[in-house]
């Protein structure tokens, strides 16, 4: 009468299963110079954006603002 939901199936293959390994040694396949060059290339692409003001400057401005508020309150009250 009503269609029942079927269980989901996935085609998952483990990354390092024994069936997927070929006869080669993973250290032989790894080319360290290629890895280093890729890493340096990616590192150069990341450009950091600095904040508008350093934290020390923000704290100094906050302290000065609080001081001014205190002085103005005492002067006009």
C-alpha atoms as a PDB file:
ATOM      1  CA  UNK A   1       0.000   0.000   0.000  1.00  0.00           C
ATOM      2  CA  UNK A   2       2.678   2.520   1.023  1.00  0.00           C
ATOM      3  CA  UNK A   3       6.192   2.442  -0.344  1.00  0.00           C
ATOM      4  CA  UNK A   4       8.708   1.758   2.348  1.00  0.00           C
ATOM      5  CA  UNK A   5      12.020   3.546   2.245  1.00  0.00           C
ATOM      6  CA  UNK A   6      15.006   1.494   1.211  1.00  0.00           C
ATOM      7  CA  UNK A   7      18.236   1.574   3.147  1.00  0.00           C
ATOM      8  CA  UNK A   8      20.857   3.803   1.627  1.00  0.00           C
ATOM      9  CA  UNK A   9      23.860   2.137   0.104  1.00  0.00           C
ATOM     10  CA  UNK A  10      27.238   3.741  -0.474  1.00  0.00           C
ATOM     11  CA  UNK A  11      30.135   2.770  -2.674  1.00  0.00           C
ATOM     12  CA  UNK A  12      32.827   3.381  -0.087  1.00  0.00           C
ATOM     13  CA  UNK A  13      36.334   2.116  -0.646  1.00  0.00           C
ATOM     14  CA  UNK A  14      38.813   2.574   2.219  1.00  0.00           C
ATOM     15  CA  UNK A  15      41.768   4.711   1.336  1.00  0.00           C
ATOM     16  CA  UNK A  16      44.409   2.403   2.750  1.00  0.00           C
ATOM     17  CA  UNK A  17      42.834  -0.991   2.398  1.00  0.00           C
ATOM     18  CA  UNK A  18      45.007  -3.985   1.613  1.00  0.00           C
ATOM     19  CA  UNK A  19      43.107  -4.645  -1.613  1.00  0.00           C
ATOM     20  CA  UNK A  20      43.922  -1.221  -3.049  1.00  0.00           C
ATOM     21  CA  UNK A  21      47.664  -1.462  -2.417  1.00  0.00           C
ATOM     22  CA  UNK A  22      49.878  -2.196  -5.350  1.00  0.00           C
ATOM     23  CA  UNK A  23      53.271  -3.794  -4.967  1.00  0.00           C
ATOM     24  CA  UNK A  24      55.099  -0.460  -4.781  1.00  0.00           C
ATOM     25  CA  UNK A  25      56.476   1.161  -1.674  1.00  0.00           C
ATOM     26  CA  UNK A  26      54.665   4.420  -0.729  1.00  0.00           C
ATOM     27  CA  UNK A  27      57.997   6.099   0.094  1.00  0.00           C
ATOM     28  CA  UNK A  28      59.201   5.508  -3.441  1.00  0.00           C
ATOM     29  CA  UNK A  29      56.061   7.094  -4.889  1.00  0.00           C
ATOM     30  CA  UNK A  30      56.448  10.198  -2.720  1.00  0.00           C
ATOM     31  CA  UNK A  31      58.423  12.928  -4.443  1.00  0.00           C
ATOM     32  CA  UNK A  32      59.645  15.312  -1.726  1.00  0.00           C
ATOM     33  CA  UNK A  33      60.758  18.051  -4.128  1.00  0.00           C
ATOM     34  CA  UNK A  34      57.335  18.111  -5.726  1.00  0.00           C
ATOM     35  CA  UNK A  35      55.675  18.386  -2.303  1.00  0.00           C
ATOM     36  CA  UNK A  36      57.950  21.228  -1.215  1.00  0.00           C
ATOM     37  CA  UNK A  37      57.413  23.194  -4.402  1.00  0.00           C
ATOM     38  CA  UNK A  38      53.630  22.805  -4.128  1.00  0.00           C
ATOM     39  CA  UNK A  39      53.733  23.855  -0.489  1.00  0.00           C
ATOM     40  CA  UNK A  40      55.787  26.985  -1.248  1.00  0.00           C
ATOM     41  CA  UNK A  41      53.478  27.891  -4.120  1.00  0.00           C
ATOM     42  CA  UNK A  42      50.392  27.569  -1.917  1.00  0.00           C
ATOM     43  CA  UNK A  43      52.087  29.472   0.894  1.00  0.00           C
ATOM     44  CA  UNK A  44      52.738  32.398  -1.437  1.00  0.00           C
ATOM     45  CA  UNK A  45      49.082  32.561  -2.481  1.00  0.00           C
ATOM     46  CA  UNK A  46      47.813  33.124   1.064  1.00  0.00           C
ATOM     47  CA  UNK A  47      47.702  36.853   1.671  1.00  0.00           C
ATOM     48  CA  UNK A  48      46.927  37.922   5.196  1.00  0.00           C
ATOM     49  CA  UNK A  49      44.689  40.904   5.696  1.00  0.00           C
ATOM     50  CA  UNK A  50      45.616  42.931   8.727  1.00  0.00           C
ATOM     51  CA  UNK A  51      43.003  44.490  10.954  1.00  0.00           C
ATOM     52  CA  UNK A  52      42.253  48.196  10.814  1.00  0.00           C
ATOM     53  CA  UNK A  53      43.964  48.953  14.145  1.00  0.00           C
ATOM     54  CA  UNK A  54      46.227  46.945  16.421  1.00  0.00           C
ATOM     55  CA  UNK A  55      44.777  45.702  19.704  1.00  0.00           C
ATOM     56  CA  UNK A  56      47.018  47.997  21.760  1.00  0.00           C
ATOM     57  CA  UNK A  57      45.690  51.039  19.908  1.00  0.00           C
ATOM     58  CA  UNK A  58      42.087  49.969  20.466  1.00  0.00           C
ATOM     59  CA  UNK A  59      42.692  49.516  24.199  1.00  0.00           C
ATOM     60  CA  UNK A  60      44.355  52.947  24.402  1.00  0.00           C
ATOM     61  CA  UNK A  61      41.395  54.582  22.627  1.00  0.00           C
ATOM     62  CA  UNK A  62      38.977  52.809  24.973  1.00  0.00           C
ATOM     63  CA  UNK A  63      40.849  54.024  28.058  1.00  0.00           C
ATOM     64  CA  UNK A  64      40.935  57.596  26.720  1.00  0.00           C
ATOM     65  CA  UNK A  65      37.222  57.457  25.928  1.00  0.00           C
ATOM     66  CA  UNK A  66      36.398  56.264  29.440  1.00  0.00           C
ATOM     67  CA  UNK A  67      38.610  58.984  30.916  1.00  0.00           C
ATOM     68  CA  UNK A  68      36.879  61.675  28.848  1.00  0.00           C
ATOM     69  CA  UNK A  69      33.461  60.359  29.873  1.00  0.00           C
ATOM     70  CA  UNK A  70      34.484  60.508  33.534  1.00  0.00           C
ATOM     71  CA  UNK A  71      35.829  64.080  33.246  1.00  0.00           C
ATOM     72  CA  UNK A  72      32.746  65.322  31.377  1.00  0.00           C
ATOM     73  CA  UNK A  73      30.425  63.702  33.916  1.00  0.00           C
ATOM     74  CA  UNK A  74      32.242  65.354  36.837  1.00  0.00           C
ATOM     75  CA  UNK A  75      32.332  68.730  35.074  1.00  0.00           C
ATOM     76  CA  UNK A  76      28.619  68.962  34.206  1.00  0.00           C
ATOM     77  CA  UNK A  77      27.119  67.222  37.269  1.00  0.00           C
END
